[in-house]
N, C-alpha and C. Protein backbone atom coordinates (compact mmCIF):
# COMPACT_ATOMS: atom_id res chain seq x y z
N MET A 1 18.52 4.74 11.69
CA MET A 1 18.74 5.00 10.07
C MET A 1 19.87 6.32 10.01
N ASP A 2 20.82 5.85 8.94
CA ASP A 2 20.84 7.52 9.18
C ASP A 2 21.67 7.63 7.39
N LYS A 3 22.23 8.29 6.42
CA LYS A 3 21.87 8.95 5.11
C LYS A 3 22.00 7.48 4.69
N ILE A 4 23.33 7.16 4.22
CA ILE A 4 23.58 5.52 3.71
C ILE A 4 22.25 4.81 4.13
N ASP A 5 21.48 4.60 4.98
CA ASP A 5 20.24 3.89 4.70
C ASP A 5 19.50 4.71 3.66
N ARG A 6 19.44 5.97 4.14
CA ARG A 6 18.04 6.37 3.23
C ARG A 6 18.29 6.11 1.81
N LYS A 7 19.99 6.35 1.33
CA LYS A 7 19.76 5.89 0.08
C LYS A 7 19.99 4.68 -0.25
N ILE A 8 20.30 3.33 0.85
CA ILE A 8 20.04 2.29 0.15
C ILE A 8 18.28 1.80 -0.22
N LEU A 9 17.84 2.57 0.97
CA LEU A 9 16.32 3.04 0.58
C LEU A 9 15.45 3.27 -0.52
N ALA A 10 16.15 4.46 -0.59
CA ALA A 10 16.04 4.87 -2.22
C ALA A 10 15.89 4.29 -3.86
N LEU A 11 17.31 3.35 -3.36
CA LEU A 11 17.04 2.51 -4.55
C LEU A 11 16.33 1.32 -4.69
N LEU A 12 16.36 0.39 -3.39
CA LEU A 12 15.39 -0.31 -3.14
C LEU A 12 13.69 -0.01 -3.38
N GLN A 13 13.25 0.93 -3.62
CA GLN A 13 11.94 1.03 -3.50
C GLN A 13 12.06 1.41 -4.63
N LYS A 14 13.12 2.00 -6.01
CA LYS A 14 13.19 2.10 -6.98
C LYS A 14 13.12 0.50 -7.99
N ASP A 15 14.19 -0.70 -7.63
CA ASP A 15 14.42 -1.59 -7.85
C ASP A 15 14.43 -2.50 -7.03
N ALA A 16 13.69 -3.16 -6.38
CA ALA A 16 14.36 -3.93 -5.38
C ALA A 16 14.75 -5.36 -5.66
N THR A 17 15.27 -5.70 -6.93
CA THR A 17 16.16 -6.91 -7.63
C THR A 17 17.84 -5.98 -7.53
N MET A 18 18.06 -4.70 -7.49
CA MET A 18 18.81 -4.58 -7.91
C MET A 18 20.02 -5.16 -6.99
N PRO A 19 21.19 -6.04 -7.74
CA PRO A 19 21.60 -6.58 -7.20
C PRO A 19 22.58 -5.80 -5.64
N VAL A 20 22.75 -6.55 -5.04
CA VAL A 20 23.82 -5.77 -3.19
C VAL A 20 24.89 -5.36 -4.01
N ALA A 21 25.58 -5.87 -4.57
CA ALA A 21 26.79 -5.16 -4.95
C ALA A 21 26.34 -3.36 -5.67
N GLU A 22 25.90 -3.71 -6.48
CA GLU A 22 25.52 -2.29 -6.75
C GLU A 22 25.03 -0.99 -5.81
N ILE A 23 24.05 -2.08 -5.34
CA ILE A 23 23.96 -0.69 -4.31
C ILE A 23 24.93 -0.33 -3.47
N GLY A 24 25.65 -1.25 -2.76
CA GLY A 24 26.70 -0.94 -2.45
C GLY A 24 27.53 0.06 -3.23
N ARG A 25 28.00 -0.38 -4.27
CA ARG A 25 28.75 0.66 -4.72
C ARG A 25 28.15 1.79 -4.99
N LYS A 26 26.83 2.41 -6.02
CA LYS A 26 25.79 3.83 -5.33
C LYS A 26 26.35 4.11 -4.44
N VAL A 27 25.95 3.96 -3.19
CA VAL A 27 25.96 4.15 -1.34
C VAL A 27 27.43 4.52 -1.09
N GLY A 28 28.34 3.54 -1.96
CA GLY A 28 29.93 3.82 -1.13
C GLY A 28 30.31 3.06 0.09
N LEU A 29 29.67 1.77 -0.17
CA LEU A 29 29.87 0.29 0.74
C LEU A 29 30.39 -0.89 0.12
N SER A 30 31.33 -1.28 0.61
CA SER A 30 31.14 -3.09 -0.13
C SER A 30 29.70 -4.17 0.22
N THR A 31 30.00 -4.85 -0.25
CA THR A 31 28.92 -5.77 -0.76
C THR A 31 28.49 -6.05 0.41
N THR A 32 28.96 -6.88 1.88
CA THR A 32 28.59 -7.33 2.99
C THR A 32 28.17 -6.41 3.66
N PRO A 33 28.84 -5.22 3.74
CA PRO A 33 28.07 -4.20 4.99
C PRO A 33 26.81 -3.70 4.34
N CYS A 34 26.92 -3.63 3.43
CA CYS A 34 25.48 -3.02 2.57
C CYS A 34 24.42 -4.44 2.35
N TRP A 35 24.63 -5.30 2.68
CA TRP A 35 24.11 -6.96 2.67
C TRP A 35 23.47 -6.27 4.20
N ARG A 36 24.13 -6.32 5.08
CA ARG A 36 23.73 -6.35 6.70
C ARG A 36 22.81 -5.39 7.28
N ARG A 37 23.06 -3.65 6.33
CA ARG A 37 22.10 -2.90 6.75
C ARG A 37 20.90 -3.39 6.37
N ILE A 38 20.99 -3.92 5.07
CA ILE A 38 19.76 -4.12 4.63
C ILE A 38 18.80 -5.24 5.46
N GLN A 39 19.43 -6.23 5.36
CA GLN A 39 19.28 -7.18 6.71
C GLN A 39 18.66 -6.57 7.82
N LYS A 40 19.66 -5.47 8.44
CA LYS A 40 19.02 -4.78 9.47
C LYS A 40 17.45 -3.94 9.79
N MET A 41 17.34 -3.52 8.41
CA MET A 41 16.48 -2.89 8.06
C MET A 41 14.73 -3.76 7.80
N GLU A 42 15.02 -4.92 7.27
CA GLU A 42 14.00 -5.93 7.40
C GLU A 42 13.97 -6.38 8.80
N GLU A 43 14.63 -6.76 9.69
CA GLU A 43 14.62 -7.48 11.01
C GLU A 43 13.44 -5.84 11.66
N ASP A 44 13.86 -4.91 11.80
CA ASP A 44 13.16 -3.95 12.27
C ASP A 44 12.11 -3.28 11.84
N GLY A 45 11.84 -4.15 10.46
CA GLY A 45 10.64 -3.82 9.72
C GLY A 45 10.58 -2.56 9.27
N ILE A 46 11.28 -1.73 8.94
CA ILE A 46 11.71 -0.80 8.18
C ILE A 46 11.37 -1.05 6.64
N ILE A 47 12.14 -2.25 6.19
CA ILE A 47 11.57 -2.82 4.52
C ILE A 47 10.75 -3.94 5.41
N LYS A 48 9.09 -4.08 5.00
CA LYS A 48 8.21 -4.53 5.00
C LYS A 48 8.25 -5.76 4.35
N GLY A 49 8.76 -5.97 2.78
CA GLY A 49 8.58 -6.89 1.90
C GLY A 49 9.08 -6.44 0.92
N ARG A 50 9.58 -7.29 -0.21
CA ARG A 50 9.99 -6.68 -1.40
C ARG A 50 8.57 -7.59 -2.50
N VAL A 51 8.31 -6.72 -3.11
CA VAL A 51 7.10 -7.90 -4.21
C VAL A 51 7.52 -6.77 -6.02
N ALA A 52 6.65 -7.62 -6.80
CA ALA A 52 6.48 -7.17 -8.07
C ALA A 52 5.15 -6.08 -8.50
N VAL A 53 5.52 -4.97 -8.95
CA VAL A 53 4.65 -3.96 -9.07
C VAL A 53 4.34 -4.62 -10.98
N LEU A 54 2.91 -4.90 -10.64
CA LEU A 54 2.01 -5.48 -11.69
C LEU A 54 1.24 -4.07 -12.85
N ASP A 55 1.39 -4.38 -13.84
CA ASP A 55 0.25 -3.64 -14.90
C ASP A 55 -1.24 -3.94 -14.87
N PRO A 56 -2.11 -3.15 -13.92
CA PRO A 56 -3.26 -4.01 -13.60
C PRO A 56 -4.11 -4.06 -15.15
N ALA A 57 -3.62 -3.17 -15.90
CA ALA A 57 -4.55 -3.54 -17.50
C ALA A 57 -4.28 -4.99 -17.68
N LYS A 58 -2.48 -5.44 -17.52
CA LYS A 58 -2.24 -6.27 -18.18
C LYS A 58 -3.01 -7.97 -17.52
N VAL A 59 -3.35 -7.70 -16.24
CA VAL A 59 -3.85 -8.45 -15.49
C VAL A 59 -5.08 -8.65 -15.10
N ASN A 60 -5.85 -7.94 -16.01
CA ASN A 60 -7.70 -7.54 -16.28
C ASN A 60 -8.11 -7.23 -14.78
N ALA A 61 -7.36 -5.91 -14.45
CA ALA A 61 -7.89 -5.36 -13.27
C ALA A 61 -7.46 -3.56 -13.51
N GLY A 62 -8.00 -3.41 -14.28
CA GLY A 62 -7.61 -2.04 -14.98
C GLY A 62 -8.57 -0.97 -15.00
N VAL A 63 -9.52 -1.55 -14.11
CA VAL A 63 -10.63 -0.24 -13.27
C VAL A 63 -10.44 0.14 -11.96
N THR A 64 -10.03 0.82 -11.44
CA THR A 64 -9.82 1.27 -10.23
C THR A 64 -11.16 2.56 -9.87
N VAL A 65 -11.40 1.83 -8.68
CA VAL A 65 -12.76 2.54 -7.88
C VAL A 65 -12.37 2.97 -6.80
N PHE A 66 -12.73 4.00 -6.13
CA PHE A 66 -12.77 4.22 -4.37
C PHE A 66 -14.00 4.50 -3.42
N VAL A 67 -14.03 3.73 -3.09
CA VAL A 67 -15.38 3.49 -2.31
C VAL A 67 -15.20 4.00 -1.07
N SER A 68 -16.38 4.93 -0.86
CA SER A 68 -16.26 6.17 0.54
C SER A 68 -17.47 5.30 1.43
N ILE A 69 -17.13 4.97 2.54
CA ILE A 69 -18.20 3.94 3.29
C ILE A 69 -18.54 5.03 4.54
N ARG A 70 -19.65 5.03 4.91
CA ARG A 70 -20.26 5.90 5.90
C ARG A 70 -21.18 4.44 7.16
N THR A 71 -20.73 4.77 8.45
CA THR A 71 -21.48 3.43 8.56
C THR A 71 -22.15 4.10 9.76
N ASN A 72 -23.12 4.20 10.64
CA ASN A 72 -24.03 3.97 11.83
C ASN A 72 -23.25 3.27 12.92
N GLU A 73 -22.24 2.18 12.85
CA GLU A 73 -21.89 1.62 14.01
C GLU A 73 -20.26 2.39 14.39
N HIS A 74 -19.98 2.56 15.59
CA HIS A 74 -18.89 2.98 15.88
C HIS A 74 -18.35 2.86 17.09
N ASN A 75 -18.12 1.52 16.55
CA ASN A 75 -17.70 0.66 17.93
C ASN A 75 -16.38 -0.57 17.25
N GLU A 76 -15.45 -1.03 18.91
CA GLU A 76 -14.52 -2.22 18.08
C GLU A 76 -14.79 -3.38 17.59
N ALA A 77 -16.13 -3.75 18.22
CA ALA A 77 -16.35 -4.99 17.28
C ALA A 77 -16.74 -4.97 15.83
N TRP A 78 -17.65 -3.87 15.83
CA TRP A 78 -18.16 -3.64 14.45
C TRP A 78 -16.83 -3.68 13.75
N MET A 79 -15.61 -2.49 14.13
CA MET A 79 -14.52 -2.33 13.38
C MET A 79 -14.07 -3.58 12.83
N ARG A 80 -13.67 -4.43 13.81
CA ARG A 80 -13.03 -5.86 13.68
C ARG A 80 -14.31 -6.84 12.61
N LYS A 81 -15.34 -7.09 12.59
CA LYS A 81 -15.94 -7.73 11.98
C LYS A 81 -15.62 -7.02 10.63
N PHE A 82 -16.19 -5.79 10.60
CA PHE A 82 -15.90 -4.90 8.91
C PHE A 82 -14.54 -5.37 8.11
N ALA A 83 -13.33 -5.07 9.24
CA ALA A 83 -12.29 -5.67 8.82
C ALA A 83 -11.86 -6.92 8.48
N ALA A 84 -12.46 -7.50 8.84
CA ALA A 84 -12.59 -9.43 8.93
C ALA A 84 -13.07 -8.95 7.36
N VAL A 85 -14.41 -8.90 6.45
CA VAL A 85 -15.39 -8.99 5.78
C VAL A 85 -14.38 -7.88 4.61
N VAL A 86 -13.61 -7.33 4.69
CA VAL A 86 -13.55 -6.43 3.52
C VAL A 86 -11.63 -7.53 3.35
N GLU A 87 -11.13 -8.16 4.29
CA GLU A 87 -9.72 -8.66 4.19
C GLU A 87 -10.32 -9.79 3.35
N ASP A 88 -11.27 -10.42 3.36
CA ASP A 88 -11.41 -11.87 2.42
C ASP A 88 -11.93 -11.22 1.08
N PHE A 89 -11.54 -9.75 0.26
CA PHE A 89 -11.93 -9.46 -0.97
C PHE A 89 -10.81 -8.95 -1.74
N ASN A 90 -10.49 -10.04 -2.22
CA ASN A 90 -8.91 -9.50 -3.04
C ASN A 90 -8.87 -8.66 -3.86
N GLU A 91 -10.57 -7.89 -4.23
CA GLU A 91 -10.72 -7.19 -5.09
C GLU A 91 -10.06 -5.49 -4.29
N VAL A 92 -10.07 -5.23 -2.96
CA VAL A 92 -9.66 -4.38 -2.46
C VAL A 92 -8.07 -4.45 -2.31
N VAL A 93 -7.32 -3.54 -1.99
CA VAL A 93 -6.13 -3.62 -2.63
C VAL A 93 -5.71 -2.62 -1.34
N GLU A 94 -6.60 -1.48 -1.14
CA GLU A 94 -6.58 -0.49 0.17
C GLU A 94 -7.34 0.02 0.97
N PHE A 95 -7.00 -0.10 1.71
CA PHE A 95 -8.53 -0.21 3.03
C PHE A 95 -7.94 0.75 4.24
N TYR A 96 -8.95 2.34 4.32
CA TYR A 96 -8.54 3.43 5.68
C TYR A 96 -9.76 3.55 6.08
N ARG A 97 -9.38 3.67 7.47
CA ARG A 97 -10.17 4.14 8.07
C ARG A 97 -9.77 6.08 8.25
N MET A 98 -11.04 6.58 8.46
CA MET A 98 -10.89 8.10 7.97
C MET A 98 -11.27 9.07 9.13
N SER A 99 -10.99 10.35 9.07
CA SER A 99 -11.54 11.15 9.73
C SER A 99 -12.43 12.27 8.79
N GLY A 100 -13.43 12.62 9.14
CA GLY A 100 -14.42 13.29 8.42
C GLY A 100 -15.85 12.62 7.89
N GLU A 101 -16.34 13.52 6.95
CA GLU A 101 -17.82 13.01 6.43
C GLU A 101 -17.38 11.36 6.43
N THR A 102 -16.52 10.52 5.37
CA THR A 102 -16.48 9.45 5.24
C THR A 102 -15.96 8.76 6.53
N ASP A 103 -16.60 7.49 6.56
CA ASP A 103 -15.63 6.73 7.99
C ASP A 103 -14.54 5.55 6.79
N TYR A 104 -14.51 5.09 6.20
CA TYR A 104 -13.88 4.43 5.61
C TYR A 104 -13.42 4.54 4.15
N LEU A 105 -12.39 4.07 3.83
CA LEU A 105 -11.86 4.61 2.35
C LEU A 105 -11.40 3.11 1.54
N LEU A 106 -12.59 2.06 0.64
CA LEU A 106 -11.13 1.29 -0.11
C LEU A 106 -11.44 1.87 -1.69
N ARG A 107 -9.79 1.21 -1.75
CA ARG A 107 -9.59 0.84 -3.35
C ARG A 107 -9.60 -0.22 -3.85
N VAL A 108 -10.76 -0.19 -4.69
CA VAL A 108 -11.11 -1.39 -5.28
C VAL A 108 -10.38 -1.61 -6.59
N VAL A 109 -9.99 -2.83 -7.15
CA VAL A 109 -9.55 -3.18 -8.48
C VAL A 109 -10.55 -3.72 -9.51
N VAL A 110 -10.82 -4.07 -10.28
CA VAL A 110 -12.07 -5.06 -10.76
C VAL A 110 -11.87 -4.80 -12.57
N PRO A 111 -11.75 -6.15 -13.32
CA PRO A 111 -11.82 -5.74 -14.95
C PRO A 111 -12.82 -5.19 -15.66
N ASP A 112 -14.14 -4.43 -14.38
CA ASP A 112 -15.32 -3.58 -15.57
C ASP A 112 -15.99 -3.57 -13.86
N ILE A 113 -17.25 -2.62 -14.81
CA ILE A 113 -18.20 -2.19 -13.77
C ILE A 113 -19.31 -3.38 -13.31
N GLY A 114 -19.25 -4.21 -14.11
CA GLY A 114 -19.72 -5.74 -13.81
C GLY A 114 -19.45 -6.14 -13.02
N ALA A 115 -18.25 -6.30 -12.77
CA ALA A 115 -17.30 -6.90 -11.70
C ALA A 115 -17.38 -6.03 -10.38
N TYR A 116 -17.51 -5.09 -10.72
CA TYR A 116 -17.42 -4.23 -9.04
C TYR A 116 -18.86 -4.35 -8.45
N ASP A 117 -20.16 -4.39 -9.62
CA ASP A 117 -21.17 -4.38 -9.27
C ASP A 117 -21.26 -5.83 -8.36
N ALA A 118 -20.81 -6.45 -8.73
CA ALA A 118 -20.75 -8.18 -8.10
C ALA A 118 -19.74 -8.16 -6.89
N PHE A 119 -18.88 -7.04 -6.69
CA PHE A 119 -18.24 -7.02 -5.23
C PHE A 119 -19.32 -6.24 -4.50
N TYR A 120 -19.68 -5.30 -5.28
CA TYR A 120 -20.66 -4.70 -4.00
C TYR A 120 -22.25 -5.26 -3.87
N LYS A 121 -22.47 -6.28 -4.45
CA LYS A 121 -23.87 -7.03 -3.76
C LYS A 121 -22.90 -8.00 -2.69
N LYS A 122 -21.79 -8.31 -2.88
CA LYS A 122 -21.10 -9.52 -2.08
C LYS A 122 -20.80 -8.23 -0.71
N LEU A 123 -20.49 -7.73 -1.46
CA LEU A 123 -20.17 -6.93 0.10
C LEU A 123 -21.34 -6.22 1.20
N ILE A 124 -22.23 -5.87 0.62
CA ILE A 124 -23.21 -5.41 1.21
C ILE A 124 -24.11 -6.53 1.44
N ALA A 125 -24.11 -7.81 1.47
CA ALA A 125 -24.50 -9.12 1.67
C ALA A 125 -23.75 -9.66 3.26
N LYS A 126 -22.37 -8.67 3.19
CA LYS A 126 -21.63 -9.63 4.52
C LYS A 126 -22.21 -8.44 5.16
N ILE A 127 -22.40 -7.44 5.67
CA ILE A 127 -22.54 -6.12 6.20
C ILE A 127 -23.06 -5.16 5.92
N ALA A 128 -23.99 -4.81 7.30
CA ALA A 128 -24.39 -3.13 7.43
C ALA A 128 -23.44 -2.35 6.99
N LEU A 129 -23.81 -1.58 6.14
CA LEU A 129 -23.78 -0.39 5.78
C LEU A 129 -24.36 1.04 5.42
N SER A 130 -24.50 1.64 6.37
CA SER A 130 -25.44 3.07 5.90
C SER A 130 -25.52 4.01 4.74
N ASP A 131 -23.67 4.05 4.06
CA ASP A 131 -23.84 4.94 2.62
C ASP A 131 -22.50 4.43 2.28
N VAL A 132 -22.84 3.61 1.01
CA VAL A 132 -21.59 3.82 0.30
C VAL A 132 -21.92 4.54 -1.04
N SER A 133 -20.61 5.41 -1.62
CA SER A 133 -20.28 5.99 -2.50
C SER A 133 -19.20 5.62 -3.04
N SER A 134 -19.29 5.07 -4.31
CA SER A 134 -18.54 4.90 -5.56
C SER A 134 -18.09 5.94 -6.46
N SER A 135 -16.50 5.93 -6.73
CA SER A 135 -16.36 6.71 -7.98
C SER A 135 -15.12 6.17 -8.19
N PHE A 136 -15.65 6.27 -9.98
CA PHE A 136 -14.09 5.38 -10.91
C PHE A 136 -13.04 6.41 -11.52
N ALA A 137 -11.76 5.52 -10.98
CA ALA A 137 -10.96 6.52 -11.72
C ALA A 137 -11.15 6.38 -12.96
N MET A 138 -10.70 7.76 -13.77
CA MET A 138 -10.83 7.98 -15.13
C MET A 138 -9.43 7.67 -16.09
N GLY A 139 -8.86 8.48 -14.74
CA GLY A 139 -7.02 8.02 -15.45
C GLY A 139 -6.41 8.02 -14.25
N GLN A 140 -5.19 7.84 -14.61
CA GLN A 140 -4.15 7.32 -13.50
C GLN A 140 -3.20 8.55 -13.75
N ILE A 141 -2.84 9.54 -13.22
CA ILE A 141 -2.14 10.56 -13.31
C ILE A 141 -0.64 10.28 -12.38
N LYS A 142 -0.99 9.99 -11.48
CA LYS A 142 0.12 9.67 -11.10
C LYS A 142 0.33 8.53 -9.75
N TYR A 143 1.19 7.67 -9.27
CA TYR A 143 1.27 6.09 -8.86
C TYR A 143 2.42 5.57 -8.67
N THR A 144 2.86 5.97 -7.45
CA THR A 144 4.33 5.56 -7.11
C THR A 144 4.05 4.37 -5.82
N THR A 145 5.06 3.59 -5.04
CA THR A 145 4.51 2.98 -4.38
C THR A 145 6.02 3.57 -3.29
N ALA A 146 6.60 4.35 -3.75
CA ALA A 146 7.68 4.83 -3.25
C ALA A 146 7.20 5.81 -1.80
N LEU A 147 8.06 5.42 -1.04
CA LEU A 147 7.63 6.59 0.41
C LEU A 147 8.56 7.56 0.10
N PRO A 148 8.16 8.90 0.32
CA PRO A 148 9.35 10.01 0.23
C PRO A 148 10.12 9.12 1.95
N LEU A 149 11.22 10.11 1.44
CA LEU A 149 12.23 9.28 2.33
C LEU A 149 12.95 10.92 3.31
N GLU A 150 12.54 12.04 2.78
CA GLU A 150 13.34 13.16 3.07
C GLU A 150 12.51 13.48 5.01
N PHE A 151 11.39 12.77 5.35
CA PHE A 151 10.95 13.08 6.60
C PHE A 151 11.10 11.76 7.24
N ALA A 152 12.03 10.70 7.35
CA ALA A 152 13.07 9.69 8.08
C ALA A 152 13.98 10.50 9.26
N LEU A 153 13.54 9.64 10.25
CA LEU A 153 14.97 10.58 11.27
C LEU A 153 15.89 9.97 11.03
N VAL A 154 17.06 10.77 10.99
CA VAL A 154 18.41 10.51 11.06
C VAL A 154 18.84 10.21 12.15
N ASP A 155 19.76 9.74 12.26
CA ASP A 155 21.18 9.83 13.45
C ASP A 155 21.60 11.19 13.73
N ASP A 156 21.78 11.70 14.72
CA ASP A 156 21.86 13.06 14.31
C ASP A 156 23.52 13.30 14.15
N ASP A 157 24.00 12.28 14.21
CA ASP A 157 25.61 12.59 13.33
C ASP A 157 25.62 12.61 12.21
N ASP A 158 24.68 12.19 11.17
CA ASP A 158 24.73 12.54 9.77
C ASP A 158 23.55 13.74 9.61
N LYS A 159 23.00 14.44 9.95
CA LYS A 159 22.34 15.30 9.55
C LYS A 159 22.53 16.36 9.05
């Protein structure tokens, strides 16, 4: 990866629908070399996909709940089972294994508290958990899908 690749990634993170010719113009490349760089980054797994970012309120998923989970089970088999259970819930949009007092953290999106309660009941019916704590987001202050690119390693020639 070099500085041009980072510029391409920054543009794509802002607008993945931007035409390749326009991206190329903005980074100082013609269309074909720019397209090749994008293809290479897709092949290398740097670009994992291109998606549409939706407005949660307009698709009736405007309530965000952070669910902290603690368990007494700390083995590979249980972790795989739990991951499989969580995978089946469309309401869970992020899922992390954590350090510290919380073992797992879920970000759940639902239309309302009643929908969250239904989710919670389905979750605990499928797997035993020792402690579940839910925190409802009161408002979103910052949200981005863009990753910081200043940490991306670049070829020595371009530093």
